[in-house]
């Protein structure tokens, strides 16, 4: 039985890996108050999580969102994770910029778009 906890909404950056897997970095680029982030502690206690991705434009016919329910685990930094993150976020190009990662494995995906594909 998982411990009951409330919603802990935290904005994150991410990249897609094969598998399907999603990688979320814990980085040394942005300043932090502590080295052990609460999101990592939460995942250790209860691996369930949700990633919400949204796209906004002034033209509301182009709005969309995707909600990904997943299980997550902390994972050492791997070459494929670094490559995927650096491709989306050039600031991760500096050596040692990523301290650890959270790897999410989707369990359910829902979404909405204002217009069809």
PDB file of N, CA and C in Angstrom:
ATOM      1  N   UNK A   1       0.848  -1.184   0.000  1.00  0.00           N
ATOM      2  CA  UNK A   1       0.000   0.000   0.000  1.00  0.00           C
ATOM      3  C   UNK A   1       0.885   1.236   0.000  1.00  0.00           C
ATOM      4  N   UNK A   2       0.616   2.142  -0.899  1.00  0.00           N
ATOM      5  CA  UNK A   2       1.375   3.388  -0.976  1.00  0.00           C
ATOM      6  C   UNK A   2       0.874   4.383   0.055  1.00  0.00           C
ATOM      7  N   UNK A   3       1.801   5.151   0.573  1.00  0.00           N
ATOM      8  CA  UNK A   3       1.424   6.211   1.500  1.00  0.00           C
ATOM      9  C   UNK A   3       0.555   7.223   0.769  1.00  0.00           C
ATOM     10  N   UNK A   4      -0.369   7.801   1.496  1.00  0.00           N
ATOM     11  CA  UNK A   4      -1.239   8.818   0.905  1.00  0.00           C
ATOM     12  C   UNK A   4      -0.502  10.146   0.955  1.00  0.00           C
ATOM     13  N   UNK A   5      -0.487  10.833  -0.166  1.00  0.00           N
ATOM     14  CA  UNK A   5       0.104  12.161  -0.200  1.00  0.00           C
ATOM     15  C   UNK A   5      -0.706  13.016  -1.151  1.00  0.00           C
ATOM     16  N   UNK A   6      -0.650  14.290  -0.949  1.00  0.00           N
ATOM     17  CA  UNK A   6      -1.375  15.204  -1.822  1.00  0.00           C
ATOM     18  C   UNK A   6      -0.612  15.458  -3.095  1.00  0.00           C
ATOM     19  N   UNK A   7      -1.164  16.309  -3.915  1.00  0.00           N
ATOM     20  CA  UNK A   7      -0.536  16.668  -5.179  1.00  0.00           C
ATOM     21  C   UNK A   7       0.694  17.525  -4.914  1.00  0.00           C
ATOM     22  N   UNK A   8       1.767  17.214  -5.591  1.00  0.00           N
ATOM     23  CA  UNK A   8       3.003  17.978  -5.495  1.00  0.00           C
ATOM     24  C   UNK A   8       3.358  18.397  -6.915  1.00  0.00           C
ATOM     25  N   UNK A   9       2.708  19.451  -7.408  1.00  0.00           N
ATOM     26  CA  UNK A   9       2.913  19.902  -8.780  1.00  0.00           C
ATOM     27  C   UNK A   9       4.209  20.697  -8.874  1.00  0.00           C
ATOM     28  N   UNK A  10       5.101  20.243  -9.751  1.00  0.00           N
ATOM     29  CA  UNK A  10       6.407  20.871  -9.920  1.00  0.00           C
ATOM     30  C   UNK A  10       6.680  20.998 -11.417  1.00  0.00           C
ATOM     31  N   UNK A  11       7.000  22.203 -11.907  1.00  0.00           N
ATOM     32  CA  UNK A  11       7.353  22.308 -13.329  1.00  0.00           C
ATOM     33  C   UNK A  11       8.702  21.640 -13.578  1.00  0.00           C
ATOM     34  N   UNK A  12       8.784  20.887 -14.654  1.00  0.00           N
ATOM     35  CA  UNK A  12      10.018  20.184 -14.996  1.00  0.00           C
ATOM     36  C   UNK A  12      10.268  20.274 -16.486  1.00  0.00           C
ATOM     37  N   UNK A  13      11.497  20.015 -16.873  1.00  0.00           N
ATOM     38  CA  UNK A  13      11.829  19.783 -18.273  1.00  0.00           C
ATOM     39  C   UNK A  13      11.977  18.277 -18.435  1.00  0.00           C
ATOM     40  N   UNK A  14      11.858  17.812 -19.672  1.00  0.00           N
ATOM     41  CA  UNK A  14      11.905  16.368 -19.896  1.00  0.00           C
ATOM     42  C   UNK A  14      12.329  16.090 -21.321  1.00  0.00           C
ATOM     43  N   UNK A  15      12.661  14.838 -21.571  1.00  0.00           N
ATOM     44  CA  UNK A  15      12.950  14.369 -22.930  1.00  0.00           C
ATOM     45  C   UNK A  15      12.423  12.953 -23.052  1.00  0.00           C
ATOM     46  N   UNK A  16      12.097  12.574 -24.270  1.00  0.00           N
ATOM     47  CA  UNK A  16      11.613  11.226 -24.539  1.00  0.00           C
ATOM     48  C   UNK A  16      12.781  10.300 -24.819  1.00  0.00           C
ATOM     49  N   UNK A  17      12.704   9.108 -24.243  1.00  0.00           N
ATOM     50  CA  UNK A  17      13.684   8.051 -24.518  1.00  0.00           C
ATOM     51  C   UNK A  17      12.941   6.900 -25.175  1.00  0.00           C
ATOM     52  N   UNK A  18      13.661   5.956 -25.720  1.00  0.00           N
ATOM     53  CA  UNK A  18      13.014   4.780 -26.280  1.00  0.00           C
ATOM     54  C   UNK A  18      12.414   3.944 -25.175  1.00  0.00           C
ATOM     55  N   UNK A  19      11.480   3.115 -25.534  1.00  0.00           N
ATOM     56  CA  UNK A  19      11.020   2.177 -24.520  1.00  0.00           C
ATOM     57  C   UNK A  19       9.547   1.996 -24.313  1.00  0.00           C
ATOM     58  N   UNK A  20       8.638   2.874 -24.215  1.00  0.00           N
ATOM     59  CA  UNK A  20       8.775   4.330 -24.070  1.00  0.00           C
ATOM     60  C   UNK A  20       9.133   4.709 -22.634  1.00  0.00           C
ATOM     61  N   UNK A  21      10.023   5.641 -22.536  1.00  0.00           N
ATOM     62  CA  UNK A  21      10.420   6.191 -21.243  1.00  0.00           C
ATOM     63  C   UNK A  21      10.578   7.693 -21.395  1.00  0.00           C
ATOM     64  N   UNK A  22      10.443   8.382 -20.287  1.00  0.00           N
ATOM     65  CA  UNK A  22      10.606   9.832 -20.248  1.00  0.00           C
ATOM     66  C   UNK A  22      11.645  10.124 -19.180  1.00  0.00           C
ATOM     67  N   UNK A  23      12.585  11.001 -19.483  1.00  0.00           N
ATOM     68  CA  UNK A  23      13.629  11.331 -18.513  1.00  0.00           C
ATOM     69  C   UNK A  23      13.454  12.776 -18.056  1.00  0.00           C
ATOM     70  N   UNK A  24      13.531  12.960 -16.738  1.00  0.00           N
ATOM     71  CA  UNK A  24      13.459  14.279 -16.106  1.00  0.00           C
ATOM     72  C   UNK A  24      14.780  14.476 -15.364  1.00  0.00           C
ATOM     73  N   UNK A  25      15.527  15.525 -15.686  1.00  0.00           N
ATOM     74  CA  UNK A  25      16.820  15.710 -15.025  1.00  0.00           C
ATOM     75  C   UNK A  25      16.696  16.370 -13.658  1.00  0.00           C
ATOM     76  N   UNK A  26      17.620  16.032 -12.792  1.00  0.00           N
ATOM     77  CA  UNK A  26      17.896  16.816 -11.588  1.00  0.00           C
ATOM     78  C   UNK A  26      19.253  17.419 -11.893  1.00  0.00           C
ATOM     79  N   UNK A  27      19.289  18.735 -12.049  1.00  0.00           N
ATOM     80  CA  UNK A  27      20.485  19.359 -12.591  1.00  0.00           C
ATOM     81  C   UNK A  27      21.225  20.225 -11.586  1.00  0.00           C
ATOM     82  N   UNK A  28      22.399  20.634 -12.006  1.00  0.00           N
ATOM     83  CA  UNK A  28      23.226  21.562 -11.222  1.00  0.00           C
ATOM     84  C   UNK A  28      23.295  22.912 -11.929  1.00  0.00           C
ATOM     85  N   UNK A  29      22.422  23.129 -12.921  1.00  0.00           N
ATOM     86  CA  UNK A  29      22.436  24.360 -13.713  1.00  0.00           C
ATOM     87  C   UNK A  29      21.731  25.486 -12.971  1.00  0.00           C
ATOM     88  N   UNK A  30      20.535  25.197 -12.470  1.00  0.00           N
ATOM     89  CA  UNK A  30      19.748  26.205 -11.755  1.00  0.00           C
ATOM     90  C   UNK A  30      20.051  26.114 -10.259  1.00  0.00           C
ATOM     91  N   UNK A  31      20.063  27.244  -9.545  1.00  0.00           N
ATOM     92  CA  UNK A  31      20.342  27.206  -8.107  1.00  0.00           C
ATOM     93  C   UNK A  31      19.232  26.480  -7.345  1.00  0.00           C
ATOM     94  N   UNK A  32      19.631  25.740  -6.320  1.00  0.00           N
ATOM     95  CA  UNK A  32      18.689  24.995  -5.488  1.00  0.00           C
ATOM     96  C   UNK A  32      19.049  25.188  -4.018  1.00  0.00           C
ATOM     97  N   UNK A  33      18.021  25.132  -3.185  1.00  0.00           N
ATOM     98  CA  UNK A  33      18.261  25.270  -1.735  1.00  0.00           C
ATOM     99  C   UNK A  33      18.890  24.022  -1.136  1.00  0.00           C
ATOM    100  N   UNK A  34      18.536  22.857  -1.699  1.00  0.00           N
ATOM    101  CA  UNK A  34      19.085  21.599  -1.172  1.00  0.00           C
ATOM    102  C   UNK A  34      19.530  20.718  -2.341  1.00  0.00           C
ATOM    103  N   UNK A  35      20.364  19.771  -2.021  1.00  0.00           N
ATOM    104  CA  UNK A  35      20.821  18.858  -3.060  1.00  0.00           C
ATOM    105  C   UNK A  35      19.854  17.687  -3.234  1.00  0.00           C
ATOM    106  N   UNK A  36      19.134  17.318  -2.213  1.00  0.00           N
ATOM    107  CA  UNK A  36      18.161  16.208  -2.285  1.00  0.00           C
ATOM    108  C   UNK A  36      16.774  16.814  -2.472  1.00  0.00           C
ATOM    109  N   UNK A  37      16.305  16.863  -3.712  1.00  0.00           N
ATOM    110  CA  UNK A  37      15.043  17.524  -4.014  1.00  0.00           C
ATOM    111  C   UNK A  37      13.850  16.722  -3.507  1.00  0.00           C
ATOM    112  N   UNK A  38      12.810  17.428  -3.115  1.00  0.00           N
ATOM    113  CA  UNK A  38      11.607  16.781  -2.591  1.00  0.00           C
ATOM    114  C   UNK A  38      10.975  15.849  -3.617  1.00  0.00           C
ATOM    115  N   UNK A  39      11.061  16.194  -4.902  1.00  0.00           N
ATOM    116  CA  UNK A  39      10.456  15.309  -5.912  1.00  0.00           C
ATOM    117  C   UNK A  39      11.127  13.941  -5.920  1.00  0.00           C
ATOM    118  N   UNK A  40      12.425  13.893  -5.652  1.00  0.00           N
ATOM    119  CA  UNK A  40      13.129  12.610  -5.599  1.00  0.00           C
ATOM    120  C   UNK A  40      12.686  11.824  -4.369  1.00  0.00           C
ATOM    121  N   UNK A  41      12.578  12.493  -3.238  1.00  0.00           N
ATOM    122  CA  UNK A  41      12.106  11.853  -1.999  1.00  0.00           C
ATOM    123  C   UNK A  41      10.693  11.304  -2.208  1.00  0.00           C
ATOM    124  N   UNK A  42       9.817  12.099  -2.840  1.00  0.00           N
ATOM    125  CA  UNK A  42       8.441  11.654  -3.076  1.00  0.00           C
ATOM    126  C   UNK A  42       8.397  10.395  -3.934  1.00  0.00           C
ATOM    127  N   UNK A  43       9.217  10.344  -4.978  1.00  0.00           N
ATOM    128  CA  UNK A  43       9.251   9.177  -5.866  1.00  0.00           C
ATOM    129  C   UNK A  43       9.761   7.943  -5.130  1.00  0.00           C
ATOM    130  N   UNK A  44      10.713   8.135  -4.221  1.00  0.00           N
ATOM    131  CA  UNK A  44      11.196   6.998  -3.424  1.00  0.00           C
ATOM    132  C   UNK A  44      10.074   6.434  -2.556  1.00  0.00           C
ATOM    133  N   UNK A  45       9.238   7.309  -2.029  1.00  0.00           N
ATOM    134  CA  UNK A  45       8.145   6.882  -1.145  1.00  0.00           C
ATOM    135  C   UNK A  45       6.979   6.295  -1.920  1.00  0.00           C
ATOM    136  N   UNK A  46       6.706   6.853  -3.099  1.00  0.00           N
ATOM    137  CA  UNK A  46       5.554   6.442  -3.906  1.00  0.00           C
ATOM    138  C   UNK A  46       5.901   6.732  -5.365  1.00  0.00           C
ATOM    139  N   UNK A  47       6.140   5.719  -6.172  1.00  0.00           N
ATOM    140  CA  UNK A  47       6.621   5.941  -7.541  1.00  0.00           C
ATOM    141  C   UNK A  47       5.572   6.462  -8.520  1.00  0.00           C
ATOM    142  N   UNK A  48       4.322   6.592  -8.092  1.00  0.00           N
ATOM    143  CA  UNK A  48       3.292   7.095  -9.005  1.00  0.00           C
ATOM    144  C   UNK A  48       3.481   8.588  -9.240  1.00  0.00           C
ATOM    145  N   UNK A  49       3.295   9.002 -10.489  1.00  0.00           N
ATOM    146  CA  UNK A  49       3.423  10.423 -10.821  1.00  0.00           C
ATOM    147  C   UNK A  49       2.596  10.732 -12.057  1.00  0.00           C
ATOM    148  N   UNK A  50       2.450  12.022 -12.338  1.00  0.00           N
ATOM    149  CA  UNK A  50       1.741  12.481 -13.524  1.00  0.00           C
ATOM    150  C   UNK A  50       2.558  13.596 -14.153  1.00  0.00           C
ATOM    151  N   UNK A  51       2.735  13.519 -15.461  1.00  0.00           N
ATOM    152  CA  UNK A  51       3.392  14.574 -16.223  1.00  0.00           C
ATOM    153  C   UNK A  51       2.334  15.203 -17.119  1.00  0.00           C
ATOM    154  N   UNK A  52       2.134  16.510 -16.978  1.00  0.00           N
ATOM    155  CA  UNK A  52       1.178  17.236 -17.800  1.00  0.00           C
ATOM    156  C   UNK A  52       1.953  18.120 -18.768  1.00  0.00           C
ATOM    157  N   UNK A  53       1.699  17.921 -20.049  1.00  0.00           N
ATOM    158  CA  UNK A  53       2.364  18.699 -21.100  1.00  0.00           C
ATOM    159  C   UNK A  53       1.272  19.457 -21.838  1.00  0.00           C
ATOM    160  N   UNK A  54       1.461  20.778 -21.972  1.00  0.00           N
ATOM    161  CA  UNK A  54       0.449  21.559 -22.670  1.00  0.00           C
ATOM    162  C   UNK A  54       1.095  22.439 -23.723  1.00  0.00           C
ATOM    163  N   UNK A  55       0.295  22.767 -24.740  1.00  0.00           N
ATOM    164  CA  UNK A  55       0.760  23.648 -25.805  1.00  0.00           C
ATOM    165  C   UNK A  55      -0.240  24.780 -25.943  1.00  0.00           C
ATOM    166  N   UNK A  56       0.254  26.008 -25.844  1.00  0.00           N
ATOM    167  CA  UNK A  56      -0.608  27.183 -25.942  1.00  0.00           C
ATOM    168  C   UNK A  56      -0.194  28.036 -27.130  1.00  0.00           C
ATOM    169  N   UNK A  57      -1.184  28.562 -27.813  1.00  0.00           N
ATOM    170  CA  UNK A  57      -0.972  29.554 -28.865  1.00  0.00           C
ATOM    171  C   UNK A  57      -2.120  30.536 -28.806  1.00  0.00           C
ATOM    172  N   UNK A  58      -1.892  31.717 -29.327  1.00  0.00           N
ATOM    173  CA  UNK A  58      -2.973  32.709 -29.405  1.00  0.00           C
ATOM    174  C   UNK A  58      -4.143  32.166 -30.232  1.00  0.00           C
ATOM    175  N   UNK A  59      -3.845  31.385 -31.246  1.00  0.00           N
ATOM    176  CA  UNK A  59      -4.875  30.726 -32.051  1.00  0.00           C
ATOM    177  C   UNK A  59      -5.365  29.514 -31.261  1.00  0.00           C
ATOM    178  N   UNK A  60      -6.513  29.652 -30.627  1.00  0.00           N
ATOM    179  CA  UNK A  60      -7.003  28.601 -29.741  1.00  0.00           C
ATOM    180  C   UNK A  60      -7.357  27.311 -30.466  1.00  0.00           C
ATOM    181  N   UNK A  61      -7.422  27.340 -31.762  1.00  0.00           N
ATOM    182  CA  UNK A  61      -7.672  26.104 -32.505  1.00  0.00           C
ATOM    183  C   UNK A  61      -6.434  25.208 -32.510  1.00  0.00           C
ATOM    184  N   UNK A  62      -5.323  25.723 -32.017  1.00  0.00           N
ATOM    185  CA  UNK A  62      -4.070  24.954 -31.978  1.00  0.00           C
ATOM    186  C   UNK A  62      -3.681  24.527 -30.555  1.00  0.00           C
ATOM    187  N   UNK A  63      -4.594  24.691 -29.600  1.00  0.00           N
ATOM    188  CA  UNK A  63      -4.329  24.279 -28.216  1.00  0.00           C
ATOM    189  C   UNK A  63      -4.376  22.758 -28.106  1.00  0.00           C
ATOM    190  N   UNK A  64      -3.529  22.209 -27.225  1.00  0.00           N
ATOM    191  CA  UNK A  64      -3.598  20.783 -26.910  1.00  0.00           C
ATOM    192  C   UNK A  64      -2.923  20.516 -25.570  1.00  0.00           C
ATOM    193  N   UNK A  65      -3.242  19.376 -24.971  1.00  0.00           N
ATOM    194  CA  UNK A  65      -2.549  18.917 -23.771  1.00  0.00           C
ATOM    195  C   UNK A  65      -2.529  17.393 -23.748  1.00  0.00           C
ATOM    196  N   UNK A  66      -1.543  16.864 -23.038  1.00  0.00           N
ATOM    197  CA  UNK A  66      -1.395  15.427 -22.836  1.00  0.00           C
ATOM    198  C   UNK A  66      -1.082  15.206 -21.364  1.00  0.00           C
ATOM    199  N   UNK A  67      -1.773  14.258 -20.744  1.00  0.00           N
ATOM    200  CA  UNK A  67      -1.511  13.894 -19.347  1.00  0.00           C
ATOM    201  C   UNK A  67      -1.002  12.449 -19.334  1.00  0.00           C
ATOM    202  N   UNK A  68       0.191  12.273 -18.765  1.00  0.00           N
ATOM    203  CA  UNK A  68       0.835  10.962 -18.735  1.00  0.00           C
ATOM    204  C   UNK A  68       0.932  10.491 -17.294  1.00  0.00           C
ATOM    205  N   UNK A  69       0.181   9.446 -16.960  1.00  0.00           N
ATOM    206  CA  UNK A  69       0.332   8.798 -15.657  1.00  0.00           C
ATOM    207  C   UNK A  69       1.497   7.828 -15.806  1.00  0.00           C
ATOM    208  N   UNK A  70       2.347   7.756 -14.799  1.00  0.00           N
ATOM    209  CA  UNK A  70       3.550   6.937 -14.921  1.00  0.00           C
ATOM    210  C   UNK A  70       4.013   6.453 -13.558  1.00  0.00           C
ATOM    211  N   UNK A  71       4.958   5.528 -13.607  1.00  0.00           N
ATOM    212  CA  UNK A  71       5.733   5.188 -12.415  1.00  0.00           C
ATOM    213  C   UNK A  71       7.141   5.714 -12.683  1.00  0.00           C
ATOM    214  N   UNK A  72       7.785   6.165 -11.618  1.00  0.00           N
ATOM    215  CA  UNK A  72       9.100   6.781 -11.776  1.00  0.00           C
ATOM    216  C   UNK A  72      10.092   6.178 -10.807  1.00  0.00           C
ATOM    217  N   UNK A  73      11.351   6.285 -11.183  1.00  0.00           N
ATOM    218  CA  UNK A  73      12.435   5.860 -10.294  1.00  0.00           C
ATOM    219  C   UNK A  73      13.628   6.763 -10.552  1.00  0.00           C
ATOM    220  N   UNK A  74      14.419   6.952  -9.522  1.00  0.00           N
ATOM    221  CA  UNK A  74      15.660   7.688  -9.705  1.00  0.00           C
ATOM    222  C   UNK A  74      16.635   6.780 -10.432  1.00  0.00           C
ATOM    223  N   UNK A  75      17.407   7.356 -11.338  1.00  0.00           N
ATOM    224  CA  UNK A  75      18.332   6.569 -12.137  1.00  0.00           C
ATOM    225  C   UNK A  75      19.626   7.348 -12.326  1.00  0.00           C
ATOM    226  N   UNK A  76      20.746   6.656 -12.321  1.00  0.00           N
ATOM    227  CA  UNK A  76      22.006   7.348 -12.625  1.00  0.00           C
ATOM    228  C   UNK A  76      21.937   7.967 -14.017  1.00  0.00           C
ATOM    229  N   UNK A  77      22.748   8.952 -14.251  1.00  0.00           N
ATOM    230  CA  UNK A  77      22.799   9.629 -15.544  1.00  0.00           C
ATOM    231  C   UNK A  77      23.399   8.674 -16.579  1.00  0.00           C
ATOM    232  N   UNK A  78      22.663   8.454 -17.672  1.00  0.00           N
ATOM    233  CA  UNK A  78      23.135   7.579 -18.745  1.00  0.00           C
ATOM    234  C   UNK A  78      23.397   8.403 -19.999  1.00  0.00           C
ATOM    235  N   UNK A  79      24.151   7.848 -20.905  1.00  0.00           N
ATOM    236  CA  UNK A  79      24.480   8.534 -22.149  1.00  0.00           C
ATOM    237  C   UNK A  79      23.255   8.876 -22.978  1.00  0.00           C
ATOM    238  N   UNK A  80      22.285   7.936 -23.066  1.00  0.00           N
ATOM    239  CA  UNK A  80      21.096   8.230 -23.871  1.00  0.00           C
ATOM    240  C   UNK A  80      20.247   9.329 -23.238  1.00  0.00           C
ATOM    241  N   UNK A  81      20.199   9.382 -21.908  1.00  0.00           N
ATOM    242  CA  UNK A  81      19.459  10.450 -21.221  1.00  0.00           C
ATOM    243  C   UNK A  81      20.125  11.800 -21.472  1.00  0.00           C
ATOM    244  N   UNK A  82      21.434  11.853 -21.347  1.00  0.00           N
ATOM    245  CA  UNK A  82      22.169  13.106 -21.578  1.00  0.00           C
ATOM    246  C   UNK A  82      21.971  13.571 -23.017  1.00  0.00           C
ATOM    247  N   UNK A  83      22.092  12.664 -23.963  1.00  0.00           N
ATOM    248  CA  UNK A  83      21.921  13.029 -25.374  1.00  0.00           C
ATOM    249  C   UNK A  83      20.523  13.591 -25.635  1.00  0.00           C
ATOM    250  N   UNK A  84      19.502  12.926 -25.112  1.00  0.00           N
ATOM    251  CA  UNK A  84      18.119  13.369 -25.330  1.00  0.00           C
ATOM    252  C   UNK A  84      17.873  14.732 -24.680  1.00  0.00           C
ATOM    253  N   UNK A  85      18.380  14.925 -23.464  1.00  0.00           N
ATOM    254  CA  UNK A  85      18.181  16.199 -22.769  1.00  0.00           C
ATOM    255  C   UNK A  85      18.964  17.329 -23.430  1.00  0.00           C
ATOM    256  N   UNK A  86      20.197  17.067 -23.826  1.00  0.00           N
ATOM    257  CA  UNK A  86      21.010  18.100 -24.489  1.00  0.00           C
ATOM    258  C   UNK A  86      20.419  18.512 -25.834  1.00  0.00           C
ATOM    259  N   UNK A  87      19.783  17.580 -26.524  1.00  0.00           N
ATOM    260  CA  UNK A  87      19.165  17.901 -27.814  1.00  0.00           C
ATOM    261  C   UNK A  87      18.021  18.903 -27.642  1.00  0.00           C
ATOM    262  N   UNK A  88      17.319  18.825 -26.528  1.00  0.00           N
ATOM    263  CA  UNK A  88      16.204  19.758 -26.275  1.00  0.00           C
ATOM    264  C   UNK A  88      16.630  21.006 -25.513  1.00  0.00           C
ATOM    265  N   UNK A  89      17.635  20.863 -24.651  1.00  0.00           N
ATOM    266  CA  UNK A  89      18.035  21.946 -23.756  1.00  0.00           C
ATOM    267  C   UNK A  89      19.552  22.111 -23.794  1.00  0.00           C
ATOM    268  N   UNK A  90      20.059  23.004 -24.632  1.00  0.00           N
ATOM    269  CA  UNK A  90      21.508  23.173 -24.798  1.00  0.00           C
ATOM    270  C   UNK A  90      22.263  23.465 -23.500  1.00  0.00           C
ATOM    271  N   UNK A  91      21.612  24.020 -22.484  1.00  0.00           N
ATOM    272  CA  UNK A  91      22.299  24.303 -21.212  1.00  0.00           C
ATOM    273  C   UNK A  91      22.822  23.028 -20.551  1.00  0.00           C
ATOM    274  N   UNK A  92      22.287  21.887 -20.927  1.00  0.00           N
ATOM    275  CA  UNK A  92      22.785  20.633 -20.373  1.00  0.00           C
ATOM    276  C   UNK A  92      24.020  20.140 -21.105  1.00  0.00           C
ATOM    277  N   UNK A  93      24.595  20.965 -21.973  1.00  0.00           N
ATOM    278  CA  UNK A  93      25.805  20.600 -22.694  1.00  0.00           C
ATOM    279  C   UNK A  93      27.045  20.620 -21.833  1.00  0.00           C
ATOM    280  N   UNK A  94      27.005  21.360 -20.741  1.00  0.00           N
ATOM    281  CA  UNK A  94      28.174  21.435 -19.854  1.00  0.00           C
ATOM    282  C   UNK A  94      28.344  20.120 -19.101  1.00  0.00           C
ATOM    283  N   UNK A  95      29.589  19.658 -18.982  1.00  0.00           N
ATOM    284  CA  UNK A  95      29.827  18.435 -18.216  1.00  0.00           C
ATOM    285  C   UNK A  95      29.314  18.597 -16.784  1.00  0.00           C
ATOM    286  N   UNK A  96      28.795  17.514 -16.236  1.00  0.00           N
ATOM    287  CA  UNK A  96      28.332  17.480 -14.849  1.00  0.00           C
ATOM    288  C   UNK A  96      27.120  18.368 -14.588  1.00  0.00           C
ATOM    289  N   UNK A  97      26.418  18.811 -15.645  1.00  0.00           N
ATOM    290  CA  UNK A  97      25.246  19.653 -15.428  1.00  0.00           C
ATOM    291  C   UNK A  97      24.038  18.855 -14.939  1.00  0.00           C
ATOM    292  N   UNK A  98      24.014  17.555 -15.204  1.00  0.00           N
ATOM    293  CA  UNK A  98      22.925  16.698 -14.745  1.00  0.00           C
ATOM    294  C   UNK A  98      23.463  15.821 -13.613  1.00  0.00           C
ATOM    295  N   UNK A  99      22.841  15.934 -12.450  1.00  0.00           N
ATOM    296  CA  UNK A  99      23.304  15.214 -11.256  1.00  0.00           C
ATOM    297  C   UNK A  99      22.745  13.791 -11.217  1.00  0.00           C
ATOM    298  N   UNK A 100      21.456  13.676 -11.478  1.00  0.00           N
ATOM    299  CA  UNK A 100      20.764  12.385 -11.504  1.00  0.00           C
ATOM    300  C   UNK A 100      19.525  12.569 -12.372  1.00  0.00           C
ATOM    301  N   UNK A 101      18.795  11.509 -12.621  1.00  0.00           N
ATOM    302  CA  UNK A 101      17.583  11.628 -13.418  1.00  0.00           C
ATOM    303  C   UNK A 101      16.445  10.860 -12.767  1.00  0.00           C
ATOM    304  N   UNK A 102      15.242  11.249 -13.128  1.00  0.00           N
ATOM    305  CA  UNK A 102      14.047  10.464 -12.838  1.00  0.00           C
ATOM    306  C   UNK A 102      13.591   9.885 -14.165  1.00  0.00           C
ATOM    307  N   UNK A 103      13.391   8.588 -14.198  1.00  0.00           N
ATOM    308  CA  UNK A 103      12.923   7.929 -15.414  1.00  0.00           C
ATOM    309  C   UNK A 103      11.480   7.507 -15.187  1.00  0.00           C
ATOM    310  N   UNK A 104      10.601   8.013 -16.052  1.00  0.00           N
ATOM    311  CA  UNK A 104       9.177   7.729 -15.965  1.00  0.00           C
ATOM    312  C   UNK A 104       8.795   6.693 -17.003  1.00  0.00           C
ATOM    313  N   UNK A 105       8.001   5.704 -16.589  1.00  0.00           N
ATOM    314  CA  UNK A 105       7.463   4.700 -17.504  1.00  0.00           C
ATOM    315  C   UNK A 105       5.949   4.897 -17.523  1.00  0.00           C
ATOM    316  N   UNK A 106       5.397   5.337 -18.661  1.00  0.00           N
ATOM    317  CA  UNK A 106       3.965   5.618 -18.732  1.00  0.00           C
ATOM    318  C   UNK A 106       3.103   4.390 -18.436  1.00  0.00           C
ATOM    319  N   UNK A 107       2.004   4.629 -17.715  1.00  0.00           N
ATOM    320  CA  UNK A 107       1.020   3.584 -17.441  1.00  0.00           C
ATOM    321  C   UNK A 107      -0.325   3.912 -18.088  1.00  0.00           C
ATOM    322  N   UNK A 108      -0.580   5.198 -18.358  1.00  0.00           N
ATOM    323  CA  UNK A 108      -1.808   5.629 -19.030  1.00  0.00           C
ATOM    324  C   UNK A 108      -1.560   7.014 -19.628  1.00  0.00           C
ATOM    325  N   UNK A 109      -2.155   7.261 -20.788  1.00  0.00           N
ATOM    326  CA  UNK A 109      -2.001   8.547 -21.460  1.00  0.00           C
ATOM    327  C   UNK A 109      -3.384   9.024 -21.900  1.00  0.00           C
ATOM    328  N   UNK A 110      -3.709  10.275 -21.567  1.00  0.00           N
ATOM    329  CA  UNK A 110      -4.928  10.897 -22.037  1.00  0.00           C
ATOM    330  C   UNK A 110      -4.571  12.259 -22.587  1.00  0.00           C
ATOM    331  N   UNK A 111      -5.448  12.820 -23.381  1.00  0.00           N
ATOM    332  CA  UNK A 111      -5.149  14.130 -23.926  1.00  0.00           C
ATOM    333  C   UNK A 111      -6.340  14.756 -24.601  1.00  0.00           C
ATOM    334  N   UNK A 112      -6.115  15.951 -25.094  1.00  0.00           N
ATOM    335  CA  UNK A 112      -7.154  16.721 -25.770  1.00  0.00           C
ATOM    336  C   UNK A 112      -6.492  17.662 -26.743  1.00  0.00           C
ATOM    337  N   UNK A 113      -7.167  17.912 -27.850  1.00  0.00           N
ATOM    338  CA  UNK A 113      -6.722  18.918 -28.807  1.00  0.00           C
ATOM    339  C   UNK A 113      -7.951  19.662 -29.306  1.00  0.00           C
ATOM    340  N   UNK A 114      -7.774  20.963 -29.544  1.00  0.00           N
ATOM    341  CA  UNK A 114      -8.895  21.776 -30.012  1.00  0.00           C
ATOM    342  C   UNK A 114      -9.366  21.328 -31.384  1.00  0.00           C
ATOM    343  N   UNK A 115      -8.443  20.872 -32.215  1.00  0.00           N
ATOM    344  CA  UNK A 115      -8.789  20.362 -33.533  1.00  0.00           C
ATOM    345  C   UNK A 115      -8.066  19.045 -33.750  1.00  0.00           C
ATOM    346  N   UNK A 116      -8.490  18.295 -34.715  1.00  0.00           N
ATOM    347  CA  UNK A 116      -7.872  17.004 -35.006  1.00  0.00           C
ATOM    348  C   UNK A 116      -6.454  17.151 -35.495  1.00  0.00           C
ATOM    349  N   UNK A 117      -5.733  16.053 -35.613  1.00  0.00           N
ATOM    350  CA  UNK A 117      -4.330  16.102 -36.041  1.00  0.00           C
ATOM    351  C   UNK A 117      -4.139  16.663 -37.433  1.00  0.00           C
TER     352      UNK A 117
END
